[in-house]
């Protein structure tokens, strides 16, 4: 799964993820932010796949 690490930013020694609606965080480490970003991306992919399946069955 690919993710855009440029969405991870640091402000005052805390890590945040830039999202469409603002910022998620803070995270204590960059590794925690990376894990969360991967989780967000996998949820988005699953949501898109589900929406496609629903559309194809209507």
Protein backbone atom coordinates (compact mmCIF):
# COMPACT_ATOMS: atom_id res chain seq x y z
CA UNK A 1 0.00 0.00 0.00
CA UNK A 2 1.42 3.35 -1.02
CA UNK A 3 1.02 6.42 1.12
CA UNK A 4 2.15 10.00 0.72
CA UNK A 5 4.65 10.64 3.49
CA UNK A 6 4.73 14.34 2.55
CA UNK A 7 1.36 14.60 4.34
CA UNK A 8 3.19 14.03 7.64
CA UNK A 9 4.37 17.30 9.18
CA UNK A 10 5.95 18.35 12.45
CA UNK A 11 4.91 21.31 14.58
CA UNK A 12 6.68 22.03 17.87
CA UNK A 13 8.16 18.53 18.11
CA UNK A 14 4.79 16.86 17.54
CA UNK A 15 3.72 15.04 14.39
CA UNK A 16 0.50 15.67 12.44
CA UNK A 17 -1.10 14.31 9.28
CA UNK A 18 -2.59 16.73 6.81
CA UNK A 19 -6.07 15.60 5.73
CA UNK A 20 -8.78 17.06 3.50
CA UNK A 21 -10.55 18.47 6.55
CA UNK A 22 -7.54 19.74 8.51
CA UNK A 23 -4.95 17.94 10.58
CA UNK A 24 -5.04 14.69 12.58
CA UNK A 25 -2.78 14.35 15.58
CA UNK A 26 -0.69 15.08 17.43
CA UNK A 27 1.40 11.92 17.39
CA UNK A 28 4.44 11.47 19.61
CA UNK A 29 6.64 10.01 16.87
CA UNK A 30 6.83 10.00 13.11
CA UNK A 31 6.42 6.22 13.15
CA UNK A 32 3.06 6.57 14.92
CA UNK A 33 1.99 9.11 12.29
CA UNK A 34 3.07 6.75 9.49
CA UNK A 35 1.05 3.87 10.99
CA UNK A 36 -2.01 6.08 11.27
CA UNK A 37 -1.60 7.34 7.70
CA UNK A 38 -1.38 3.76 6.41
CA UNK A 39 -4.56 2.94 8.35
CA UNK A 40 -6.35 5.96 6.85
CA UNK A 41 -5.30 4.94 3.35
CA UNK A 42 -6.44 1.34 3.81
CA UNK A 43 -9.82 2.54 5.16
CA UNK A 44 -10.23 4.88 2.19
CA UNK A 45 -9.37 2.06 -0.23
CA UNK A 46 -11.88 -0.27 1.44
CA UNK A 47 -14.56 2.43 1.40
CA UNK A 48 -14.00 3.05 -2.32
CA UNK A 49 -14.11 -0.67 -3.09
CA UNK A 50 -17.35 -1.07 -1.10
CA UNK A 51 -18.92 1.93 -2.85
CA UNK A 52 -17.98 0.43 -6.21
CA UNK A 53 -19.52 -2.89 -5.28
CA UNK A 54 -22.73 -1.22 -4.12
CA UNK A 55 -22.95 0.80 -7.32
CA UNK A 56 -22.43 -2.24 -9.54
CA UNK A 57 -25.25 -4.16 -7.83
CA UNK A 58 -27.94 -1.49 -8.17
